[in-house]
Protein backbone atom coordinates (compact mmCIF):
# COMPACT_ATOMS: atom_id res chain seq x y z
CA UNK A 1 54.65 2.69 -58.55
CA UNK A 2 51.49 2.47 -56.51
CA UNK A 3 49.17 5.44 -56.65
CA UNK A 4 46.56 6.63 -54.18
CA UNK A 5 43.71 9.07 -54.74
CA UNK A 6 41.55 11.06 -52.38
CA UNK A 7 37.84 10.46 -51.99
CA UNK A 8 36.80 13.46 -54.07
CA UNK A 9 38.97 12.32 -56.96
CA UNK A 10 37.57 8.78 -56.73
CA UNK A 11 33.98 10.03 -56.68
CA UNK A 12 34.58 12.17 -59.78
CA UNK A 13 36.21 9.27 -61.62
CA UNK A 14 33.36 6.93 -60.69
CA UNK A 15 30.80 9.43 -61.97
CA UNK A 16 32.64 9.75 -65.28
CA UNK A 17 32.88 5.98 -65.65
CA UNK A 18 29.25 5.37 -64.63
CA UNK A 19 28.11 7.65 -67.43
CA UNK A 20 29.58 5.19 -69.94
CA UNK A 21 28.23 1.95 -68.41
CA UNK A 22 24.84 0.24 -68.05
CA UNK A 23 23.31 0.73 -64.61
CA UNK A 24 24.74 -1.58 -61.95
CA UNK A 25 27.81 -2.62 -63.96
CA UNK A 26 30.35 -0.85 -61.77
CA UNK A 27 29.00 -2.27 -58.52
CA UNK A 28 28.96 -5.77 -59.96
CA UNK A 29 32.59 -5.39 -61.06
CA UNK A 30 33.55 -4.39 -57.54
CA UNK A 31 31.52 -7.19 -55.99
CA UNK A 32 33.06 -9.79 -58.30
CA UNK A 33 36.57 -8.68 -57.37
CA UNK A 34 35.64 -8.68 -53.69
CA UNK A 35 34.13 -12.15 -53.87
CA UNK A 36 37.13 -13.55 -55.75
CA UNK A 37 39.47 -12.23 -53.07
CA UNK A 38 37.30 -13.81 -50.37
CA UNK A 39 37.49 -17.13 -52.22
CA UNK A 40 41.30 -16.96 -52.18
CA UNK A 41 41.33 -16.01 -48.51
CA UNK A 42 38.96 -18.80 -47.49
CA UNK A 43 40.58 -21.50 -49.60
CA UNK A 44 37.43 -23.64 -49.28
CA UNK A 45 34.17 -21.85 -50.01
CA UNK A 46 31.62 -24.68 -49.94
CA UNK A 47 30.23 -24.93 -46.44
CA UNK A 48 32.16 -21.89 -45.15
CA UNK A 49 30.29 -19.56 -42.81
CA UNK A 50 30.34 -15.94 -43.99
CA UNK A 51 28.84 -13.00 -42.11
CA UNK A 52 28.19 -9.67 -43.82
CA UNK A 53 28.10 -6.50 -41.69
CA UNK A 54 26.09 -4.23 -43.97
CA UNK A 55 25.63 -0.49 -43.69
CA UNK A 56 23.79 1.81 -46.04
CA UNK A 57 24.78 3.04 -49.48
CA UNK A 58 27.01 1.62 -52.17
CA UNK A 59 29.53 0.08 -49.77
CA UNK A 60 26.75 -2.04 -48.34
CA UNK A 61 25.61 -2.83 -51.90
CA UNK A 62 29.08 -4.10 -52.87
CA UNK A 63 29.02 -6.29 -49.77
CA UNK A 64 25.56 -7.73 -50.46
CA UNK A 65 26.33 -8.51 -54.10
CA UNK A 66 29.59 -10.22 -53.08
CA UNK A 67 27.76 -12.18 -50.40
CA UNK A 68 25.32 -13.42 -53.03
CA UNK A 69 28.20 -14.61 -55.22
CA UNK A 70 29.72 -16.51 -52.29
CA UNK A 71 26.36 -18.07 -51.45
CA UNK A 72 26.02 -19.32 -55.03
CA UNK A 73 29.38 -21.09 -54.57
CA UNK A 74 28.11 -22.97 -51.55
CA UNK A 75 28.96 -20.72 -48.62
CA UNK A 76 26.44 -20.18 -45.83
CA UNK A 77 26.03 -16.41 -45.86
CA UNK A 78 24.25 -14.24 -43.31
CA UNK A 79 23.73 -10.51 -43.88
CA UNK A 80 23.41 -8.40 -40.75
CA UNK A 81 21.79 -5.09 -41.69
CA UNK A 82 22.76 -2.20 -39.45
CA UNK A 83 20.24 0.11 -41.11
CA UNK A 84 17.61 -2.15 -42.77
CA UNK A 85 15.52 0.72 -44.09
CA UNK A 86 18.56 2.14 -45.96
CA UNK A 87 20.09 -1.09 -47.28
CA UNK A 88 20.98 -1.02 -50.98
CA UNK A 89 17.82 -2.35 -52.69
CA UNK A 90 19.50 -4.02 -55.67
CA UNK A 91 22.19 -5.65 -53.57
CA UNK A 92 19.65 -6.83 -51.00
CA UNK A 93 17.43 -8.36 -53.67
CA UNK A 94 20.39 -10.14 -55.28
CA UNK A 95 21.53 -11.49 -51.91
CA UNK A 96 18.07 -12.84 -51.08
CA UNK A 97 17.81 -14.53 -54.50
CA UNK A 98 21.13 -16.26 -53.88
CA UNK A 99 19.93 -17.66 -50.57
CA UNK A 100 21.60 -15.20 -48.19
CA UNK A 101 19.83 -15.06 -44.84
CA UNK A 102 19.03 -11.47 -43.83
CA UNK A 103 18.95 -10.19 -40.24
CA UNK A 104 18.06 -6.94 -38.53
CA UNK A 105 21.23 -6.19 -36.57
CA UNK A 106 19.94 -3.28 -34.51
CA UNK A 107 19.79 -5.53 -31.45
CA UNK A 108 23.41 -6.77 -31.24
CA UNK A 109 22.88 -8.62 -27.97
CA UNK A 110 20.56 -11.21 -29.61
CA UNK A 111 21.90 -14.71 -29.01
CA UNK A 112 21.40 -15.78 -32.64
CA UNK A 113 23.53 -12.87 -33.91
CA UNK A 114 26.20 -13.53 -31.29
CA UNK A 115 26.29 -17.19 -32.32
CA UNK A 116 26.64 -16.64 -36.07
CA UNK A 117 29.35 -13.99 -35.64
CA UNK A 118 31.24 -16.18 -33.20
CA UNK A 119 31.13 -19.16 -35.57
CA UNK A 120 31.89 -17.27 -38.81
CA UNK A 121 34.93 -18.22 -40.89
CA UNK A 122 34.95 -14.84 -42.66
CA UNK A 123 33.36 -11.50 -41.83
CA UNK A 124 32.91 -8.83 -44.51
CA UNK A 125 33.07 -5.27 -43.20
CA UNK A 126 30.63 -3.30 -45.34
CA UNK A 127 29.60 -0.94 -42.55
CA UNK A 128 30.93 2.40 -43.81
CA UNK A 129 32.49 3.29 -47.16
CA UNK A 130 35.17 5.76 -48.19
CA UNK A 131 32.96 8.71 -47.32
CA UNK A 132 32.74 7.73 -43.64
CA UNK A 133 34.14 10.03 -40.97
CA UNK A 134 34.78 9.47 -37.29
CA UNK A 135 34.48 6.45 -35.05
CA UNK A 136 32.07 3.58 -35.61
CA UNK A 137 28.62 4.18 -34.20
CA UNK A 138 26.40 1.64 -32.40
CA UNK A 139 25.58 -1.11 -32.99
CA UNK A 140 28.73 -1.74 -35.07
CA UNK A 141 31.27 -1.90 -32.18
CA UNK A 142 29.02 -4.25 -30.24
CA UNK A 143 28.64 -6.58 -33.23
CA UNK A 144 32.38 -6.63 -33.90
CA UNK A 145 33.02 -7.61 -30.29
CA UNK A 146 31.30 -10.94 -30.99
CA UNK A 147 33.68 -11.88 -33.84
CA UNK A 148 36.04 -14.60 -32.68
CA UNK A 149 38.27 -16.51 -35.12
CA UNK A 150 36.94 -15.17 -38.40
CA UNK A 151 39.11 -13.53 -41.05
CA UNK A 152 37.89 -9.94 -41.29
CA UNK A 153 37.86 -8.49 -44.82
CA UNK A 154 37.20 -4.77 -45.16
CA UNK A 155 35.35 -3.47 -48.20
CA UNK A 156 37.25 -0.53 -49.80
CA UNK A 157 38.47 0.80 -46.44
CA UNK A 158 38.15 -0.49 -42.85
CA UNK A 159 35.14 1.17 -41.27
CA UNK A 160 36.23 3.87 -38.83
CA UNK A 161 39.37 4.74 -40.81
CA UNK A 162 39.39 8.09 -42.63
CA UNK A 163 40.04 7.17 -46.27
CA UNK A 164 41.86 10.43 -47.04
CA UNK A 165 44.11 10.73 -43.99
CA UNK A 166 44.32 7.40 -42.19
CA UNK A 167 43.01 9.05 -39.04
CA UNK A 168 41.30 6.76 -36.52
CA UNK A 169 39.25 8.68 -33.97
CA UNK A 170 37.83 5.83 -31.92
CA UNK A 171 36.27 2.42 -32.57
CA UNK A 172 37.33 1.07 -35.97
CA UNK A 173 37.53 -2.24 -37.81
CA UNK A 174 40.91 -3.97 -37.71
CA UNK A 175 40.98 -6.13 -40.85
CA UNK A 176 43.28 -8.92 -41.93
CA UNK A 177 42.57 -8.02 -45.57
CA UNK A 178 41.24 -4.88 -47.24
CA UNK A 179 39.86 -5.07 -50.79
CA UNK A 180 39.88 -1.60 -52.32
CA UNK A 181 38.45 -0.60 -55.68
CA UNK A 182 39.95 1.34 -58.58
CA UNK A 183 42.87 2.93 -56.72
CA UNK A 184 44.45 2.88 -53.30
CA UNK A 185 43.12 5.35 -50.76
CA UNK A 186 45.65 7.39 -48.74
CA UNK A 187 44.21 6.16 -45.45
CA UNK A 188 45.16 2.58 -46.35
CA UNK A 189 48.83 3.52 -46.66
CA UNK A 190 49.37 5.90 -43.72
CA UNK A 191 49.27 4.96 -40.05
CA UNK A 192 47.25 4.65 -37.99
CA UNK A 193 44.83 3.63 -40.75
CA UNK A 194 47.38 1.40 -42.46
CA UNK A 195 47.64 -0.62 -39.27
CA UNK A 196 43.93 -1.41 -39.52
CA UNK A 197 44.01 -2.41 -43.21
CA UNK A 198 46.04 -5.63 -43.08
CA UNK A 199 46.98 -6.99 -46.50
CA UNK A 200 45.71 -4.68 -49.24
CA UNK A 201 44.23 -6.00 -52.50
CA UNK A 202 43.45 -3.61 -55.35
CA UNK A 203 40.58 -4.53 -57.69
CA UNK A 204 40.64 -2.91 -61.12
CA UNK A 205 37.16 -1.62 -61.97
CA UNK A 206 38.17 0.57 -64.90
CA UNK A 207 38.76 3.91 -63.15
CA UNK A 208 42.29 4.56 -64.45
CA UNK A 209 41.36 6.63 -67.55
CA UNK A 210 39.24 8.93 -65.38
CA UNK A 211 41.67 9.48 -62.49
CA UNK A 212 43.97 12.53 -62.31
CA UNK A 213 47.71 12.25 -61.75
CA UNK A 214 48.12 11.10 -58.16
CA UNK A 215 49.45 13.39 -55.45
CA UNK A 216 50.36 10.38 -53.30
CA UNK A 217 52.52 7.50 -54.49
CA UNK A 218 54.46 4.54 -53.11
CA UNK A 219 57.77 3.50 -54.65
CA UNK A 220 58.44 -0.13 -55.51
CA UNK A 221 61.65 -1.97 -56.42
CA UNK A 222 61.56 -1.03 -60.10
CA UNK A 223 61.07 2.66 -59.29
CA UNK A 224 63.97 2.68 -56.84
CA UNK A 225 66.23 0.82 -59.29
CA UNK A 226 65.47 3.44 -61.94
CA UNK A 227 66.31 6.31 -59.59
CA UNK A 228 69.52 4.97 -58.06
CA UNK A 229 72.70 6.54 -59.48
CA UNK A 230 74.87 4.25 -61.58
CA UNK A 231 78.48 5.15 -62.47
CA UNK A 232 79.62 4.96 -66.07
CA UNK A 233 83.02 3.96 -67.44
CA UNK A 234 83.98 7.66 -67.50
CA UNK A 235 82.93 8.38 -63.90
CA UNK A 236 85.35 9.61 -61.27
CA UNK A 237 84.83 10.32 -57.59
CA UNK A 238 83.95 13.96 -58.24
CA UNK A 239 81.48 13.34 -61.04
CA UNK A 240 79.69 10.80 -58.84
CA UNK A 241 79.08 13.53 -56.27
CA UNK A 242 80.81 14.84 -53.17
CA UNK A 243 78.80 15.08 -49.95
CA UNK A 244 79.73 17.54 -47.23
CA UNK A 245 79.01 16.47 -43.65
CA UNK A 246 78.74 18.75 -40.63
CA UNK A 247 77.83 16.36 -37.83
CA UNK A 248 79.09 15.18 -34.51
CA UNK A 249 80.54 17.05 -31.56
CA UNK A 250 82.88 16.26 -28.66
CA UNK A 251 79.84 14.87 -26.83
CA UNK A 252 78.49 12.90 -29.81
CA UNK A 253 81.35 11.98 -32.18
CA UNK A 254 79.64 8.74 -33.17
CA UNK A 255 76.94 10.59 -35.10
CA UNK A 256 79.51 11.81 -37.62
CA UNK A 257 80.93 8.29 -37.95
CA UNK A 258 77.47 6.93 -38.81
CA UNK A 259 76.53 9.71 -41.24
CA UNK A 260 79.83 9.40 -43.11
CA UNK A 261 79.62 5.59 -43.16
CA UNK A 262 76.13 5.59 -44.61
CA UNK A 263 77.18 8.15 -47.23
CA UNK A 264 80.24 6.09 -48.21
CA UNK A 265 77.96 3.06 -48.68
CA UNK A 266 75.28 5.22 -50.31
CA UNK A 267 76.73 5.60 -53.79
CA UNK A 268 78.48 8.94 -53.41
CA UNK A 269 81.95 9.50 -54.93
CA UNK A 270 83.51 11.14 -51.88
CA UNK A 271 82.64 12.55 -48.47
CA UNK A 272 84.05 15.75 -46.97
CA UNK A 273 83.64 15.99 -43.21
CA UNK A 274 84.13 19.45 -41.69
CA UNK A 275 84.49 19.56 -37.94
CA UNK A 276 86.77 19.72 -34.89
CA UNK A 277 89.70 17.35 -34.54
CA UNK A 278 88.04 15.26 -31.82
CA UNK A 279 85.22 14.46 -34.26
CA UNK A 280 87.43 13.87 -37.29
CA UNK A 281 89.65 11.40 -35.44
CA UNK A 282 86.93 8.74 -34.95
CA UNK A 283 85.61 9.39 -38.47
CA UNK A 284 89.01 8.77 -40.08
CA UNK A 285 89.58 5.71 -37.92
CA UNK A 286 86.33 4.17 -39.21
CA UNK A 287 86.36 5.59 -42.76
CA UNK A 288 89.93 6.53 -43.79
CA UNK A 289 88.77 7.56 -47.28
CA UNK A 290 87.00 10.61 -45.78
CA UNK A 291 88.21 14.03 -46.90
CA UNK A 292 88.56 15.61 -43.45
CA UNK A 293 88.99 19.28 -42.62
CA UNK A 294 88.79 21.52 -39.58
CA UNK A 295 87.91 24.50 -41.79
CA UNK A 296 84.50 26.16 -41.71
CA UNK A 297 82.01 24.48 -44.07
CA UNK A 298 82.22 27.32 -46.58
CA UNK A 299 85.98 26.75 -46.85
CA UNK A 300 85.89 22.95 -46.84
CA UNK A 301 85.97 22.56 -50.61
CA UNK A 302 83.44 21.91 -53.33
CA UNK A 303 80.46 19.69 -52.52
CA UNK A 304 77.21 18.90 -54.32
CA UNK A 305 75.14 18.61 -51.10
CA UNK A 306 75.42 18.91 -47.33
CA UNK A 307 74.16 16.93 -44.35
CA UNK A 308 74.09 19.02 -41.19
CA UNK A 309 72.83 18.37 -37.69
CA UNK A 310 73.23 14.82 -36.37
CA UNK A 311 75.01 14.99 -33.01
CA UNK A 312 75.97 18.60 -33.72
CA UNK A 313 74.88 19.98 -30.33
CA UNK A 314 73.01 23.27 -30.03
CA UNK A 315 75.66 25.67 -28.73
CA UNK A 316 76.66 28.92 -30.50
CA UNK A 317 79.44 27.18 -32.44
CA UNK A 318 76.96 24.61 -33.79
CA UNK A 319 74.54 27.37 -34.72
CA UNK A 320 77.29 29.21 -36.61
CA UNK A 321 78.19 26.05 -38.55
CA UNK A 322 74.55 25.46 -39.47
CA UNK A 323 74.18 29.05 -40.66
CA UNK A 324 77.33 28.67 -42.74
CA UNK A 325 75.91 25.60 -44.47
CA UNK A 326 72.49 27.14 -45.05
CA UNK A 327 74.11 30.02 -46.97
CA UNK A 328 75.35 27.60 -49.61
CA UNK A 329 73.47 27.19 -52.88
CA UNK A 330 73.57 23.37 -52.93
CA UNK A 331 70.93 21.06 -51.42
CA UNK A 332 71.12 20.72 -47.64
CA UNK A 333 69.70 17.92 -45.50
CA UNK A 334 68.97 19.10 -41.95
CA UNK A 335 68.44 16.56 -39.17
CA UNK A 336 68.46 16.17 -35.38
CA UNK A 337 70.22 19.06 -33.60
CA UNK A 338 70.19 20.98 -36.87
CA UNK A 339 66.37 20.93 -36.74
CA UNK A 340 66.39 22.17 -33.15
CA UNK A 341 68.59 25.08 -34.21
CA UNK A 342 66.50 25.68 -37.33
CA UNK A 343 63.37 25.95 -35.21
CA UNK A 344 64.86 29.05 -33.61
CA UNK A 345 64.57 30.86 -36.95
CA UNK A 346 61.54 31.83 -39.00
CA UNK A 347 60.69 29.99 -42.23
CA UNK A 348 62.25 31.49 -45.34
CA UNK A 349 65.43 32.74 -43.68
CA UNK A 350 67.72 30.37 -45.59
CA UNK A 351 68.42 30.16 -49.29
CA UNK A 352 69.64 26.60 -49.81
CA UNK A 353 67.23 23.96 -51.20
CA UNK A 354 66.44 21.88 -48.13
CA UNK A 355 65.38 18.39 -47.10
CA UNK A 356 64.25 18.34 -43.46
CA UNK A 357 64.02 14.97 -41.68
CA UNK A 358 62.12 15.48 -38.41
CA UNK A 359 60.36 13.04 -36.16
CA UNK A 360 57.05 14.22 -34.70
CA UNK A 361 58.60 16.03 -31.74
CA UNK A 362 60.97 17.97 -33.97
CA UNK A 363 58.09 18.77 -36.30
CA UNK A 364 56.23 20.35 -33.38
CA UNK A 365 59.15 22.74 -32.88
CA UNK A 366 59.34 23.57 -36.60
CA UNK A 367 55.64 24.44 -36.61
CA UNK A 368 56.11 26.53 -33.49
CA UNK A 369 58.82 28.52 -35.30
CA UNK A 370 56.06 29.72 -37.63
CA UNK A 371 53.68 30.45 -34.77
CA UNK A 372 51.59 27.30 -35.29
CA UNK A 373 50.74 25.24 -32.21
CA UNK A 374 50.26 21.49 -32.53
CA UNK A 375 51.16 18.37 -30.60
CA UNK A 376 53.18 15.23 -31.20
CA UNK A 377 50.02 13.14 -30.82
CA UNK A 378 48.14 15.15 -33.43
CA UNK A 379 51.02 14.89 -35.89
CA UNK A 380 51.21 11.13 -35.45
CA UNK A 381 47.44 10.84 -35.93
CA UNK A 382 47.50 12.97 -39.11
CA UNK A 383 50.93 12.26 -40.56
CA UNK A 384 50.22 12.98 -44.21
CA UNK A 385 48.48 16.29 -43.58
CA UNK A 386 51.21 17.54 -41.27
CA UNK A 387 54.07 16.52 -43.57
CA UNK A 388 52.46 18.38 -46.46
CA UNK A 389 51.71 21.41 -44.34
CA UNK A 390 55.25 21.59 -42.95
CA UNK A 391 56.74 21.26 -46.44
CA UNK A 392 54.59 24.11 -47.73
CA UNK A 393 55.32 26.23 -44.67
CA UNK A 394 59.10 25.96 -45.03
CA UNK A 395 59.09 25.66 -48.85
CA UNK A 396 61.19 22.51 -48.77
CA UNK A 397 60.85 18.74 -48.83
CA UNK A 398 60.02 17.14 -45.49
CA UNK A 399 60.74 13.53 -44.57
CA UNK A 400 58.55 12.91 -41.52
CA UNK A 401 59.84 9.86 -39.66
CA UNK A 402 57.66 7.48 -37.68
CA UNK A 403 55.54 4.38 -37.98
CA UNK A 404 54.82 5.50 -41.54
CA UNK A 405 57.55 7.61 -43.12
CA UNK A 406 56.03 10.35 -45.28
CA UNK A 407 58.11 12.38 -47.75
CA UNK A 408 56.27 15.53 -48.84
CA UNK A 409 57.07 18.33 -51.29
CA UNK A 410 55.86 21.94 -51.03
CA UNK A 411 53.47 21.46 -53.99
CA UNK A 412 51.53 18.73 -52.15
CA UNK A 413 53.10 15.69 -53.80
CA UNK A 414 53.94 13.03 -51.26
CA UNK A 415 55.31 9.53 -51.02
CA UNK A 416 54.72 6.84 -48.45
CA UNK A 417 57.60 4.52 -47.61
CA UNK A 418 56.49 0.86 -47.64
CA UNK A 419 59.62 -0.69 -46.07
CA UNK A 420 61.05 -0.90 -42.58
CA UNK A 421 60.49 -2.70 -39.28
CA UNK A 422 59.98 -1.59 -35.66
CA UNK A 423 63.64 -2.53 -35.05
CA UNK A 424 64.59 0.75 -36.77
CA UNK A 425 63.66 2.51 -33.53
CA UNK A 426 67.26 2.36 -32.34
CA UNK A 427 69.99 4.88 -31.58
CA UNK A 428 71.83 6.07 -34.68
CA UNK A 429 69.27 4.79 -37.18
CA UNK A 430 68.33 8.34 -38.13
CA UNK A 431 72.00 9.25 -38.64
CA UNK A 432 72.30 6.40 -41.14
CA UNK A 433 69.20 7.60 -42.99
CA UNK A 434 70.61 11.13 -43.16
CA UNK A 435 73.93 9.98 -44.57
CA UNK A 436 72.25 7.81 -47.18
CA UNK A 437 69.80 10.52 -48.26
CA UNK A 438 72.62 13.07 -48.36
CA UNK A 439 74.66 10.81 -50.63
CA UNK A 440 71.74 10.54 -53.03
CA UNK A 441 71.32 14.33 -53.01
CA UNK A 442 75.01 14.75 -53.85
CA UNK A 443 74.65 12.18 -56.65
CA UNK A 444 72.02 14.36 -58.30
CA UNK A 445 68.62 13.14 -57.10
CA UNK A 446 66.17 15.86 -56.18
CA UNK A 447 65.06 16.08 -52.56
CA UNK A 448 61.77 14.18 -52.99
CA UNK A 449 63.49 11.30 -54.78
CA UNK A 450 66.52 11.28 -52.46
CA UNK A 451 64.38 11.15 -49.33
CA UNK A 452 62.02 8.51 -50.75
CA UNK A 453 64.78 6.23 -52.07
CA UNK A 454 66.85 6.56 -48.90
CA UNK A 455 63.89 5.65 -46.71
CA UNK A 456 63.15 2.65 -48.95
CA UNK A 457 66.71 1.28 -48.80
CA UNK A 458 67.00 2.05 -45.09
CA UNK A 459 63.86 0.02 -44.44
CA UNK A 460 65.06 -2.84 -46.64
CA UNK A 461 68.36 -2.93 -44.76
CA UNK A 462 66.48 -3.39 -41.49
CA UNK A 463 64.35 -6.16 -42.99
CA UNK A 464 67.46 -7.95 -44.22
CA UNK A 465 68.84 -8.23 -40.69
CA UNK A 466 67.67 -10.86 -38.21
CA UNK A 467 66.20 -9.62 -34.94
CA UNK A 468 67.44 -6.48 -33.21
CA UNK A 469 69.58 -4.21 -35.39
CA UNK A 470 72.18 -1.55 -34.71
CA UNK A 471 73.08 1.47 -36.80
CA UNK A 472 76.40 -0.10 -37.94
CA UNK A 473 74.41 -3.20 -38.99
CA UNK A 474 72.31 -1.02 -41.27
CA UNK A 475 75.38 0.50 -42.92
CA UNK A 476 76.86 -2.96 -43.56
CA UNK A 477 73.58 -4.15 -45.11
CA UNK A 478 73.25 -1.26 -47.58
CA UNK A 479 75.37 -2.74 -50.42
CA UNK A 480 73.39 -5.97 -50.27
CA UNK A 481 69.98 -4.34 -50.48
CA UNK A 482 71.24 -1.95 -53.17
CA UNK A 483 72.31 -4.98 -55.24
CA UNK A 484 69.00 -6.74 -54.58
CA UNK A 485 67.02 -3.73 -55.83
CA UNK A 486 69.12 -3.12 -58.92
CA UNK A 487 69.72 -6.78 -59.75
CA UNK A 488 73.48 -6.33 -59.83
């Protein structure tokens, strides 16, 4: 499992570690890891042209020390100082001793600076470190505009990206590679910042013993394999979990078909679908193993979890069915029309443990239900913060869909989903995710795990399919990606 830590936690860990080390040791560790990554990226170091964009402080020091190491291996290295009077003295001295040429970069229109940036094979972004906030300031944007074919490597975090949130407020570095030290930073994992980070490399500098338990994590294959339910020789369909589904309507019967299909392929023992006959007919035609009933959800029979909302419509009958489900004492996943209906109520008016799965527009309505005004654009710019805030507000787990899927718990723990492709932006994809997450809830996973694992498998299913995908394609791919993850 990958872990990420916020800037304050990193600073505290660095201070604790520095107290145990000779002066300069930590920076040299970071610089060595940075230089080694640059060597791998370049392939051939001798004769390569490397440009360093150097700001003030320790981030600039890491960059200068790394530049010196590359120069000693035969690279031609030029250091462009954006604030010469505040350049890291030790790093600058080490770079000069190694033969790095040093330039005052406060006049970015100079032809010699334009030429060396345009001809560089690799550019190191050491402009702003993890403490930076807001857009890049002159002359940094002007200098970056002169970079042509170089590989851009960001030092710790791309300059202009908020390390804690991933927010990008204006001009920012867009790197092919980011080398980060000690632990991942949240802004490297959450869009829009993640889109500026490129390939992320973590350099171990010895921080682990001094870091607290992370509030932000990223699941990997081994974590998902450990969490997925596995039947035993004594299992039956009831012990494996029964999922109740309240989805679909005469206008949108296909939503119920997709939710049930994803649940059937999602490891659950059985699926009960409660709805009108014109919804149950298509469901039974596609998935004849479904336990179908026209009864109200409370009278449908025993279930271990519910999915409610996809294609449900928002009329009084749909609202009554949602209310019926929310009075249960088992976990409830609410999606789509269910979220629209839920936004008409105030937080805390239901008793069931809930997993809400909004996109940004639905999240706006859920915030508005609590009297909080925000916008879709702001949510997408600050995904992690808004997911955590919404989870705390409604005292439930929130799976915020989008370019980066964030799953957040009311206590501030959160997970970032690392899988998926833009092809998931297709009709019915969310219904499949709901059915899969609901199946995992019914199988016994808690809401944070169920949402995280479902998003992971959902994204893998999309990756396993060539080109454009459809929701039925995703359902068909689920057994394959499940087997790939578990090694079965």
